[in-house]
Protein backbone atom coordinates (compact mmCIF):
# COMPACT_ATOMS: atom_id res chain seq x y z
CA MET A 1 47.26 15.48 5.34
CA SER A 2 45.72 12.09 4.51
CA ARG A 3 44.44 11.34 1.04
CA ARG A 4 40.85 11.07 2.29
CA LYS A 5 40.95 14.41 4.08
CA PHE A 6 42.58 16.04 1.04
CA LEU A 7 39.76 14.89 -1.24
CA GLN A 8 37.06 15.73 1.26
CA ASN A 9 38.39 19.26 1.70
CA ILE A 10 38.29 19.76 -2.07
CA THR A 11 34.78 18.37 -2.53
CA ALA A 12 33.40 20.36 0.38
CA THR A 13 34.37 23.67 -1.23
CA SER A 14 34.36 23.08 -4.98
CA ILE A 15 31.87 22.88 -7.80
CA LEU A 16 32.17 19.10 -7.54
CA ALA A 17 30.04 19.06 -4.37
CA PRO A 18 27.91 17.08 -3.60
CA LEU A 19 30.08 14.29 -5.02
CA SER A 20 30.50 11.22 -2.86
CA VAL A 21 34.15 11.05 -1.82
CA ASP A 22 33.91 7.30 -1.39
CA HIS A 23 32.86 6.95 -5.03
CA LEU A 24 35.66 9.24 -6.15
CA LEU A 25 38.24 7.35 -4.12
CA ASN A 26 37.14 4.09 -5.68
CA GLN A 27 37.42 5.64 -9.12
CA ALA A 28 40.86 7.05 -8.34
CA GLU A 29 42.12 3.66 -7.16
CA ASP A 30 41.13 2.20 -10.51
CA LYS A 31 43.45 4.52 -12.39
CA GLU A 32 46.50 3.01 -14.09
CA THR A 33 48.66 5.37 -12.06
CA GLY A 34 47.81 3.37 -8.95
CA PRO A 35 47.09 4.79 -5.50
CA LEU A 36 46.50 8.50 -5.33
CA LYS A 37 49.44 10.67 -4.31
CA THR A 38 49.07 14.13 -2.79
CA GLY A 39 50.83 15.71 -5.74
CA ASN A 40 48.33 14.50 -8.32
CA GLY A 41 45.28 14.69 -6.05
CA GLN A 42 43.39 17.43 -7.88
CA GLN A 43 43.89 15.80 -11.28
CA ALA A 44 42.94 12.38 -9.96
CA LEU A 45 39.83 13.81 -8.35
CA GLU A 46 38.75 15.51 -11.58
CA ASN A 47 39.41 12.35 -13.59
CA ALA A 48 37.53 10.24 -11.07
CA ALA A 49 34.58 12.64 -11.15
CA ARG A 50 34.57 12.55 -14.95
CA ASN A 51 34.73 8.75 -14.99
CA LEU A 52 31.99 8.46 -12.40
CA ARG A 53 29.72 10.81 -14.32
CA ALA A 54 30.27 8.83 -17.53
CA LYS A 55 29.44 5.63 -15.66
CA LEU A 56 26.22 7.12 -14.34
CA PHE A 57 25.15 8.45 -17.73
CA ASN A 58 25.71 5.00 -19.25
CA ASP A 59 23.64 3.19 -16.62
CA PRO A 60 20.69 1.74 -18.62
CA LEU A 61 18.35 2.13 -15.64
CA ARG A 62 19.25 5.66 -14.54
CA PRO A 63 16.34 8.04 -15.32
CA THR A 64 17.05 10.75 -17.87
CA TYR A 65 14.24 13.31 -17.47
CA HIS A 66 13.35 12.79 -13.81
CA PHE A 67 15.65 14.80 -11.56
CA VAL A 68 18.29 12.48 -10.09
CA SER A 69 20.89 13.31 -7.45
CA PRO A 70 23.96 14.40 -9.46
CA GLU A 71 26.32 11.80 -7.98
CA GLY A 72 26.52 9.19 -5.27
CA ASP A 73 23.84 7.53 -3.21
CA ALA A 74 21.40 10.08 -1.82
CA TYR A 75 19.42 7.99 0.64
CA PRO A 76 17.33 9.54 2.08
CA PHE A 77 16.57 11.98 -0.74
CA ASP A 78 13.57 13.88 0.63
CA PRO A 79 12.68 16.99 -1.40
CA ASN A 80 12.77 19.94 0.99
CA GLY A 81 12.73 23.72 1.02
CA ALA A 82 10.83 24.06 -2.26
CA ILE A 83 9.95 27.67 -3.07
CA PHE A 84 9.29 29.81 -6.14
CA TRP A 85 11.29 33.02 -5.78
CA LYS A 86 12.21 35.81 -8.20
CA GLY A 87 11.19 33.82 -11.28
CA LYS A 88 12.94 30.58 -10.33
CA TYR A 89 11.93 27.27 -8.84
CA HIS A 90 14.19 26.33 -5.93
CA LEU A 91 14.30 22.74 -4.72
CA GLY A 92 16.31 21.40 -1.82
CA TYR A 93 16.97 17.74 -1.17
CA ILE A 94 18.67 15.65 1.48
CA TYR A 95 21.98 14.09 0.50
CA GLN A 96 24.86 12.59 2.42
CA HIS A 97 28.09 14.52 2.93
CA ASN A 98 31.27 12.93 4.24
CA ASP A 99 33.12 15.20 6.63
CA ALA A 100 36.89 15.41 7.13
CA ASN A 101 36.75 12.41 9.46
CA GLY A 102 34.73 10.29 7.07
CA LYS A 103 31.52 10.72 9.05
CA ARG A 104 28.35 10.61 6.97
CA ILE A 105 26.19 13.71 7.57
CA HIS A 106 22.84 14.75 6.11
CA TRP A 107 22.96 18.10 4.27
CA TRP A 108 20.56 19.78 1.87
CA GLY A 109 21.50 20.07 -1.78
CA HIS A 110 20.05 22.92 -3.84
CA VAL A 111 18.96 23.14 -7.48
CA ILE A 112 17.09 25.82 -9.45
CA SER A 113 15.01 25.75 -12.62
CA HIS A 114 13.05 28.10 -14.86
CA ASP A 115 10.79 25.34 -16.20
CA LEU A 116 10.53 22.54 -13.58
CA PHE A 117 12.62 20.11 -15.64
CA HIS A 118 16.02 21.60 -16.47
CA TRP A 119 17.87 21.97 -13.17
CA SER A 120 21.13 23.71 -12.32
CA SER A 121 23.08 22.93 -9.17
CA LEU A 122 23.86 25.59 -6.55
CA PRO A 123 26.01 25.31 -3.43
CA PRO A 124 24.39 23.27 -0.65
CA MET A 125 21.29 24.94 0.75
CA LEU A 126 21.98 23.95 4.36
CA THR A 127 25.11 22.48 5.93
CA VAL A 128 26.34 21.79 9.46
CA GLU A 129 29.09 23.80 11.11
CA GLU A 130 30.90 23.18 14.37
CA LYS A 131 28.97 25.93 16.18
CA ASP A 132 25.56 24.54 15.21
CA PRO A 133 23.47 22.66 17.78
CA GLU A 134 22.44 20.05 15.21
CA THR A 135 24.56 17.22 13.80
CA GLY A 136 22.68 16.95 10.51
CA ILE A 137 19.94 18.54 8.40
CA PHE A 138 16.79 16.51 8.06
CA SER A 139 13.31 17.14 6.63
CA GLY A 140 11.54 20.50 6.59
CA GLY A 141 10.23 23.14 4.21
CA ALA A 142 10.24 26.76 3.09
CA PHE A 143 7.84 29.57 3.95
CA LEU A 144 7.52 33.36 3.74
CA SER A 145 7.54 35.55 6.83
CA ARG A 146 5.05 38.39 7.38
CA GLU A 147 7.59 40.66 5.70
CA GLY A 148 7.74 38.38 2.65
CA VAL A 149 11.25 37.05 3.40
CA PRO A 150 11.97 33.37 2.55
CA HIS A 151 12.67 31.18 5.57
CA ILE A 152 13.43 27.49 6.01
CA VAL A 153 12.33 25.27 8.86
CA TYR A 154 14.17 21.97 9.25
CA HIS A 155 14.75 19.20 11.71
CA GLY A 156 18.25 19.45 13.15
CA THR A 157 19.27 15.95 14.16
CA GLU A 158 20.02 15.56 17.86
CA ALA A 159 18.79 19.13 18.46
CA GLY A 160 15.20 19.74 17.32
CA ASN A 161 13.31 21.89 14.85
CA CYS A 162 15.34 24.85 13.60
CA ILE A 163 14.82 27.91 11.36
CA ALA A 164 17.06 29.74 8.88
CA LYS A 165 16.44 33.05 7.09
CA ALA A 166 17.47 33.92 3.52
CA ALA A 167 20.49 36.23 3.50
CA ASP A 168 20.37 37.14 -0.20
CA ASP A 169 17.83 37.31 -3.02
CA ASP A 170 19.40 34.37 -4.86
CA LEU A 171 18.76 32.16 -1.82
CA ILE A 172 22.39 31.07 -1.82
CA ARG A 173 23.12 32.05 1.78
CA TRP A 174 20.93 31.22 4.75
CA GLU A 175 21.39 32.53 8.29
CA LYS A 176 20.37 30.13 11.03
CA PHE A 177 18.57 31.53 14.06
CA GLU A 178 20.85 31.99 17.03
CA THR A 179 18.01 30.66 19.18
CA ASN A 180 17.95 27.29 17.38
CA PRO A 181 16.49 24.86 18.05
CA VAL A 182 13.23 26.79 18.33
CA LEU A 183 11.53 23.51 19.22
CA PRO A 184 13.98 21.26 21.08
CA ILE A 185 13.87 17.49 21.08
CA LYS A 186 12.60 15.86 24.22
CA LYS A 187 15.74 14.05 25.30
CA GLY A 188 15.35 10.31 25.12
CA GLY A 189 12.17 10.57 23.08
CA SER A 190 11.43 8.91 19.77
CA LEU A 191 8.83 9.15 17.05
CA THR A 192 6.61 6.52 18.64
CA GLU A 193 7.35 7.37 22.28
CA ARG A 194 5.93 10.89 22.09
CA LYS A 195 2.29 9.87 22.00
CA ASP A 196 1.62 10.73 25.64
CA ASP A 197 3.58 13.99 25.72
CA ASN A 198 2.81 15.55 22.38
CA SER A 199 3.84 19.02 23.57
CA SER A 200 7.46 17.88 23.30
CA ASN A 201 7.21 16.79 19.66
CA ALA A 202 10.13 17.88 17.49
CA TRP A 203 10.12 16.07 14.18
CA ASP A 204 9.71 16.84 10.46
CA PRO A 205 8.41 20.42 10.84
CA HIS A 206 6.24 22.53 8.55
CA ILE A 207 5.47 26.24 9.13
CA TRP A 208 2.86 28.48 7.54
CA LEU A 209 1.43 31.94 8.24
CA GLU A 210 -2.29 32.01 8.96
CA GLY A 211 -3.52 35.58 9.31
CA ASP A 212 -1.00 37.14 11.68
CA THR A 213 0.02 33.90 13.41
CA TYR A 214 2.71 31.40 12.53
CA TYR A 215 1.79 27.74 12.96
CA GLN A 216 4.21 24.83 13.08
CA ILE A 217 3.28 21.20 12.53
CA SER A 218 5.69 18.75 14.08
CA GLY A 219 5.37 15.16 12.95
CA GLY A 220 4.72 12.15 15.13
CA ASN A 221 1.92 9.81 16.02
CA PRO A 222 -0.10 11.95 16.32
CA ALA A 223 1.34 15.16 14.87
CA ALA A 224 1.52 18.21 17.13
CA LEU A 225 0.65 21.86 16.42
CA PHE A 226 2.41 24.92 17.82
CA LYS A 227 1.92 28.66 17.27
CA SER A 228 4.12 31.75 17.51
CA GLN A 229 4.09 35.47 16.88
CA ASN A 230 7.84 35.86 16.39
CA LEU A 231 9.09 32.46 15.09
CA LYS A 232 11.22 32.05 18.21
CA ASP A 233 8.77 31.39 21.03
CA TRP A 234 6.37 28.53 20.34
CA GLN A 235 3.25 27.55 22.26
CA TYR A 236 1.75 24.06 22.05
CA THR A 237 -1.91 24.20 20.94
CA GLY A 238 -2.71 20.48 20.78
CA THR A 239 -2.73 17.76 18.18
CA PHE A 240 -2.70 19.07 14.62
CA MET A 241 -5.59 16.93 13.46
CA ASP A 242 -8.82 15.73 14.97
CA GLU A 243 -7.58 12.20 15.65
CA THR A 244 -11.11 10.82 15.81
CA LYS A 245 -11.05 11.32 12.03
CA ARG A 246 -7.52 10.10 11.34
CA MET A 247 -8.76 7.74 8.55
CA ARG A 248 -5.48 5.83 8.46
CA ASN A 249 -4.10 2.67 10.05
CA ASP A 250 -3.12 2.78 13.71
CA THR A 251 0.41 1.68 12.75
CA GLU A 252 0.97 4.82 10.68
CA ASP A 253 2.92 7.82 11.90
CA TRP A 254 2.66 11.33 10.44
CA SER A 255 5.92 12.59 8.91
CA CYS A 256 7.13 14.94 6.14
CA PRO A 257 3.99 17.10 6.44
CA ASP A 258 2.91 19.89 4.11
CA PHE A 259 -0.23 21.97 4.68
CA PHE A 260 -1.81 24.55 2.39
CA LYS A 261 -4.99 26.17 1.13
CA LEU A 262 -6.27 24.73 -2.15
CA GLY A 263 -9.35 26.39 -3.53
CA LYS A 264 -11.76 26.80 -0.63
CA LYS A 265 -10.34 23.88 1.33
CA TYR A 266 -7.19 22.99 3.23
CA VAL A 267 -5.02 20.06 2.20
CA ALA A 268 -2.59 18.15 4.40
CA VAL A 269 -0.03 15.96 2.62
CA ALA A 270 2.26 13.66 4.58
CA ILE A 271 3.71 10.17 4.78
CA SER A 272 3.64 7.27 7.08
CA HIS A 273 6.97 5.47 7.01
CA ASN A 274 5.32 2.15 6.26
CA LEU A 275 2.72 3.10 3.61
CA GLY A 276 4.09 6.27 2.04
CA THR A 277 2.39 9.41 0.76
CA GLN A 278 -1.24 10.29 1.47
CA TYR A 279 -3.39 13.40 1.69
CA TYR A 280 -6.38 14.81 3.53
CA ILE A 281 -8.87 17.45 2.40
CA GLY A 282 -10.73 19.43 5.04
CA ASP A 283 -10.90 22.66 7.03
CA PHE A 284 -8.72 24.42 9.60
CA VAL A 285 -11.05 25.39 12.44
CA ASN A 286 -10.17 26.63 15.93
CA GLU A 287 -6.49 25.79 15.46
CA ARG A 288 -7.15 22.22 14.44
CA PHE A 289 -7.35 20.48 11.07
CA VAL A 290 -10.67 18.70 10.58
CA PRO A 291 -10.35 16.24 7.68
CA GLU A 292 -13.29 15.35 5.46
CA LYS A 293 -11.57 13.10 2.92
CA HIS A 294 -8.50 10.90 2.96
CA GLU A 295 -6.79 9.37 -0.07
CA ARG A 296 -3.44 7.77 -0.77
CA MET A 297 -0.77 8.56 -3.35
CA ASN A 298 1.04 5.28 -2.72
CA TRP A 299 -0.24 1.74 -2.36
CA TYR A 300 1.21 -1.64 -1.36
CA GLY A 301 4.29 -2.30 -3.49
CA GLY A 302 4.85 1.38 -4.35
CA THR A 303 7.58 3.77 -3.23
CA PHE A 304 6.19 7.32 -3.51
CA PHE A 305 7.55 9.07 -0.45
CA ALA A 306 8.37 12.37 1.32
CA PRO A 307 6.12 14.90 -0.53
CA GLU A 308 7.03 18.57 -0.84
CA THR A 309 5.04 21.38 -2.46
CA LEU A 310 5.33 25.01 -3.49
CA ILE A 311 3.07 27.60 -5.07
CA ASP A 312 4.41 29.43 -8.13
CA ASP A 313 3.70 32.75 -9.83
CA LYS A 314 0.85 31.15 -11.79
CA GLY A 315 -0.87 30.18 -8.56
CA ARG A 316 -0.18 26.48 -9.13
CA ARG A 317 0.36 24.14 -6.20
CA ILE A 318 3.15 21.82 -7.38
CA LEU A 319 4.18 18.62 -5.61
CA TRP A 320 7.25 16.38 -5.80
CA GLY A 321 8.08 13.14 -4.02
CA TRP A 322 11.11 10.96 -3.51
CA VAL A 323 10.76 7.68 -5.42
CA LEU A 324 12.52 5.00 -3.38
CA GLU A 325 14.77 2.38 -4.93
CA ARG A 326 13.93 -1.31 -4.92
CA ARG A 327 17.34 -2.65 -5.87
CA ASP A 328 20.60 -2.39 -3.94
CA TYR A 329 21.51 1.22 -4.56
CA LYS A 330 25.02 0.91 -3.11
CA ASP A 331 26.46 -2.39 -4.27
CA VAL A 332 24.51 -2.87 -7.51
CA GLN A 333 23.89 0.51 -9.10
CA GLY A 334 26.22 2.78 -7.12
CA TRP A 335 23.76 5.66 -6.99
CA SER A 336 20.32 6.60 -5.73
CA GLY A 337 18.08 9.61 -5.37
CA THR A 338 15.24 9.96 -7.90
CA MET A 339 12.55 12.62 -7.74
CA SER A 340 9.08 12.14 -9.17
CA LEU A 341 7.82 14.35 -11.95
CA PRO A 342 6.28 17.56 -10.63
CA ARG A 343 2.53 17.24 -10.22
CA VAL A 344 0.00 20.08 -10.25
CA LEU A 345 -2.71 19.81 -7.60
CA THR A 346 -6.15 21.40 -7.93
CA LEU A 347 -9.62 20.67 -6.58
CA SER A 348 -12.58 19.79 -8.76
CA GLU A 349 -15.97 21.48 -8.37
CA GLN A 350 -16.95 18.50 -6.23
CA GLY A 351 -13.98 19.10 -3.93
CA ASN A 352 -11.94 16.11 -5.10
CA MET A 353 -8.24 16.15 -5.84
CA VAL A 354 -7.12 16.63 -9.45
CA ILE A 355 -3.54 15.53 -10.13
CA SER A 356 -2.02 16.65 -13.45
CA PRO A 357 1.38 16.76 -15.11
CA PRO A 358 2.51 20.37 -15.60
CA ASP A 359 2.23 22.00 -19.03
CA GLU A 360 6.03 22.35 -19.08
CA VAL A 361 6.31 18.63 -19.77
CA LYS A 362 5.57 19.53 -23.39
CA LEU A 363 9.06 21.08 -23.57
CA LEU A 364 10.55 17.59 -23.43
CA ARG A 365 8.48 16.04 -26.19
CA TYR A 366 9.93 15.26 -29.60
CA ASN A 367 9.34 12.74 -32.39
CA PRO A 368 5.54 12.66 -31.93
CA LYS A 369 3.73 9.49 -33.02
CA THR A 370 0.08 8.55 -33.28
CA ALA A 371 -1.80 5.32 -33.96
CA ASP A 372 -5.24 4.64 -35.40
CA LYS A 373 -8.16 3.65 -33.23
CA ILE A 374 -7.96 0.01 -32.23
CA THR A 375 -10.66 -2.42 -31.13
CA LEU A 376 -9.57 -5.22 -28.81
CA ALA A 377 -11.65 -8.39 -28.82
CA GLY A 378 -10.57 -9.61 -25.39
CA ASN A 379 -9.51 -13.14 -24.43
CA GLY A 380 -5.93 -12.05 -23.82
CA LYS A 381 -5.58 -10.35 -27.19
CA VAL A 382 -2.27 -8.46 -27.51
CA VAL A 383 -1.77 -5.83 -30.23
CA PRO A 384 1.78 -4.45 -30.54
CA VAL A 385 2.13 -0.74 -31.26
CA ARG A 386 5.63 -0.98 -32.66
CA GLU A 387 6.05 2.69 -33.51
CA PHE A 388 5.65 3.55 -29.80
CA ALA A 389 8.61 1.47 -28.61
CA GLY A 390 10.95 3.17 -26.15
CA ASN A 391 12.02 3.40 -22.53
CA THR A 392 12.06 7.21 -22.20
CA ILE A 393 8.61 8.07 -23.53
CA GLU A 394 5.28 9.71 -22.74
CA LEU A 395 2.34 7.51 -23.72
CA HIS A 396 -1.38 8.40 -23.96
CA GLY A 397 -4.44 6.26 -24.58
CA THR A 398 -8.21 6.42 -23.99
CA PHE A 399 -10.06 3.16 -23.30
CA SER A 400 -13.80 2.52 -23.55
CA SER A 401 -15.23 -0.79 -22.34
CA LYS A 402 -18.51 -2.21 -21.12
CA GLY A 403 -17.06 -5.64 -20.37
CA THR A 404 -15.69 -7.15 -17.19
CA GLY A 405 -12.19 -8.04 -18.36
CA ALA A 406 -9.09 -6.02 -17.49
CA PHE A 407 -7.43 -3.95 -20.23
CA GLY A 408 -4.56 -1.58 -20.76
CA PHE A 409 -0.95 -1.31 -21.92
CA LYS A 410 2.02 -3.61 -21.77
CA VAL A 411 5.25 -1.59 -21.68
CA LEU A 412 8.97 -2.25 -21.51
CA CYS A 413 8.31 -5.53 -23.33
CA SER A 414 11.05 -7.74 -24.73
CA PRO A 415 10.40 -9.17 -28.23
CA ASP A 416 9.80 -12.66 -26.82
CA GLY A 417 7.47 -11.37 -24.11
CA LYS A 418 9.55 -12.69 -21.24
CA GLU A 419 10.03 -9.20 -19.84
CA GLU A 420 7.05 -6.86 -19.59
CA THR A 421 5.27 -4.53 -17.20
CA ILE A 422 1.48 -4.41 -17.41
CA ILE A 423 -0.54 -1.25 -16.72
CA LYS A 424 -4.20 -2.21 -16.62
CA TYR A 425 -7.63 -1.35 -15.29
CA ASP A 426 -9.81 -3.97 -13.60
CA PRO A 427 -13.45 -2.83 -14.06
CA VAL A 428 -14.73 -5.41 -11.57
CA LYS A 429 -12.41 -4.50 -8.71
CA LYS A 430 -12.29 -0.88 -9.91
CA GLU A 431 -8.52 -0.63 -9.66
CA ILE A 432 -5.58 0.66 -11.66
CA ILE A 433 -2.91 -2.03 -11.49
CA ILE A 434 0.78 -1.99 -12.31
CA ASP A 435 1.81 -5.64 -12.59
CA TYR A 436 5.60 -5.98 -12.43
CA VAL A 437 5.94 -9.72 -11.81
CA ASN A 438 7.72 -10.15 -15.17
CA SER A 439 9.33 -6.71 -15.31
CA ALA A 440 12.81 -8.29 -15.08
CA SER A 441 14.24 -11.68 -16.02
CA PRO A 442 13.85 -14.40 -14.88
CA GLY A 443 10.46 -13.19 -13.59
CA ASN A 444 8.63 -13.67 -10.30
CA VAL A 445 9.62 -10.12 -9.30
CA LYS A 446 8.42 -9.13 -5.83
CA PHE A 447 8.96 -5.92 -3.89
CA PRO A 448 8.16 -5.15 -0.25
CA SER A 449 4.58 -4.11 0.40
CA TYR A 450 5.75 -1.31 2.67
CA CYS A 451 7.99 1.68 1.96
CA MET A 452 10.40 1.59 4.87
CA MET A 453 9.08 0.22 8.14
CA GLY A 454 7.24 -3.07 8.02
CA TYR A 455 4.47 -2.22 10.47
CA LEU A 456 1.76 -3.85 8.38
CA ASP A 457 -1.42 -5.66 9.17
CA LYS A 458 -0.75 -9.41 9.27
CA SER A 459 -3.32 -9.87 6.51
CA VAL A 460 -1.03 -7.98 4.10
CA PRO A 461 1.65 -10.06 2.33
CA GLU A 462 5.18 -8.89 3.06
CA TYR A 463 6.06 -8.92 -0.65
CA VAL A 464 3.84 -8.25 -3.68
CA SER A 465 4.18 -8.30 -7.47
CA GLU A 466 1.76 -5.52 -8.30
CA GLN A 467 0.59 -2.15 -7.06
CA ARG A 468 -3.19 -1.68 -6.99
CA ALA A 469 -4.83 1.74 -6.67
CA PRO A 470 -8.62 2.21 -6.34
CA LEU A 471 -10.31 4.11 -9.18
CA ALA A 472 -14.07 3.89 -9.61
CA LEU A 473 -15.03 5.09 -13.08
CA LYS A 474 -18.44 6.71 -13.39
CA PRO A 475 -21.05 5.06 -15.65
CA GLY A 476 -20.01 5.71 -19.24
CA GLU A 477 -16.69 7.29 -18.22
CA ASP A 478 -13.66 6.37 -20.34
CA LEU A 479 -10.27 5.56 -18.86
CA LYS A 480 -7.69 8.15 -19.88
CA LEU A 481 -4.08 7.19 -19.21
CA GLU A 482 -1.07 9.51 -19.38
CA ILE A 483 2.02 7.37 -18.78
CA PHE A 484 5.60 8.52 -18.28
CA ILE A 485 8.32 5.90 -18.66
CA ASP A 486 11.90 6.81 -17.81
CA LYS A 487 14.19 3.77 -17.71
CA SER A 488 13.44 2.40 -14.22
CA ILE A 489 10.48 4.57 -13.24
CA ILE A 490 6.86 4.55 -14.42
CA GLU A 491 4.28 7.20 -13.49
CA VAL A 492 0.67 6.63 -14.51
CA PHE A 493 -1.83 9.51 -14.38
CA ALA A 494 -5.31 7.96 -14.54
CA ASN A 495 -8.14 10.37 -15.41
CA ARG A 496 -6.09 12.93 -13.48
CA ARG A 497 -7.68 11.60 -10.29
CA LEU A 498 -4.62 9.71 -9.16
CA CYS A 499 -1.04 9.01 -10.16
CA VAL A 500 0.58 5.62 -9.54
CA THR A 501 4.38 5.55 -9.34
CA GLN A 502 6.39 2.35 -9.75
CA ARG A 503 10.06 1.31 -9.96
CA VAL A 504 10.95 -1.52 -12.36
CA TYR A 505 14.36 -2.84 -13.42
CA PRO A 506 14.36 -4.55 -16.84
CA THR A 507 17.52 -6.54 -17.48
CA ARG A 508 17.39 -6.54 -21.29
CA SER A 509 18.29 -3.68 -23.61
CA ASP A 510 15.53 -4.74 -26.03
CA SER A 511 12.77 -4.46 -23.42
CA THR A 512 11.26 -1.37 -25.01
CA GLY A 513 8.09 -2.66 -26.69
CA VAL A 514 4.58 -1.25 -26.21
CA SER A 515 1.38 -3.26 -26.73
CA LEU A 516 -2.34 -3.01 -26.07
CA TYR A 517 -4.16 -5.91 -24.53
CA SER A 518 -7.44 -6.96 -22.94
CA GLU A 519 -8.59 -9.92 -20.88
CA GLY A 520 -11.86 -11.78 -20.67
CA SER A 521 -14.85 -11.17 -22.90
CA GLY A 522 -16.19 -7.92 -24.25
CA VAL A 523 -14.92 -5.30 -26.64
CA VAL A 524 -12.47 -2.56 -25.67
CA LYS A 525 -12.16 0.48 -27.92
CA VAL A 526 -8.88 2.38 -27.74
CA SER A 527 -8.50 5.90 -29.13
CA GLU A 528 -6.33 9.01 -28.79
CA LEU A 529 -3.21 6.87 -28.98
CA ARG A 530 -0.20 9.17 -28.86
CA CYS A 531 3.44 8.84 -27.92
CA TRP A 532 6.47 11.11 -27.69
CA ASP A 533 10.12 10.49 -27.06
CA MET A 534 11.29 12.56 -24.09
CA ALA A 535 14.40 14.73 -24.12
CA LYS A 536 17.10 14.16 -21.56
CA THR A 537 17.39 16.77 -18.81
CA ASN A 538 19.93 15.20 -16.44
CA PHE A 539 23.29 16.66 -17.47
CA VAL A 540 24.94 17.08 -14.06
């Protein structure tokens, strides 16, 4: 047996899964003992895994309280199969498994938590066996049958949309339908080629039970809708959404969908591969979604992607997303796969989306700090808040201004000011802005405007140095910021009406400073200044 096959057989069946064998082999080759021999394979593998884990923990840019793929480069890293079951939060995610022949295959990892932040790894949620029609496991979600049994729907690569049923109450074992794929791929079709024959869509599925009928959304451009009484036989009903009210760019597809009731309305959350996560609020009428509002959760320069939700025993609708990398995840950092913080979604009395961090985030707080009220005089005034310094913190502040100049926080600042990321509000343009042009030395940092596919309007620059999200404050309304900083990720909740997510990659270990600042004329009053250090939750 070859060395590679020996290691792959071990990792496929041991508690070390889902370790990347390629990473482990590289680690093993670095050992003083030289090339790995069959006789010391198990020991070398364990040492390599230990060394790799130590390397990851010591990476100054690896998040500590956002869930990160345990090892290796999980790309894609879509959250999938999220479900609250028997007192536990279950979260699946795509990662890449190397088979005995070194072929890279998409599987689903599986973690559980009691509190949304401390996760324990379980065996893979979904894998591929020789008898399966699919060659990999791609995006999908979890749902309950009429009988209340957890099921998973997923896209089986090269096959179509497939379903698996829970075979135990711990959701460790899943039995795939013998009739898979329940929605086959149209051979020779592609995401963009299915426009004229939407009845053959098979892509990024989502299933829910409406009354006594199962409905399945299948992504595309446009997305298709199917219905079934038995989960095996599916009838095409038409496009999922009234496309006369699509409210998005013509270049945008509809992928990674999730659809659910929220209050008295229905909400559809999905991505386009070029512009990331977005949502619609509307009604489901006559087997078609009729949107009334459309908003984004990602803007040019951002990387919030592949949303997934569940509803828990408290009735909360909780959403995660994959936060894409903007540096070379293979050659530079050697890992990837970062999940956003969980977000709680509700609707206001006016029917607008409210996006909040969950109460469980308080479990991570320690070393609380406060600062007195501060008045900023404008004209570029910068006021350091030295006691708030840190790169794994939660930061709050309330801003009141009647002027026209931008104001906000500077974070991850080096002492000489050469590295900094600016989080500000522009009252003239009515936008929350994360300016990352100087987030890393030597400055002039630019990231792609798009998430993955560059199908952008020609008026949009290909690269940008800031992410701008629209937020129109009401007359007399203060700006309330709740900011989560975790090494290379920043999440900004603004008045709980939106959350802006940004990757940054400071190069200096002393880039931890926090300051307040304002531009232009006018007075800005800052109150409710609070900060906490955040406990580490990534231990695997």
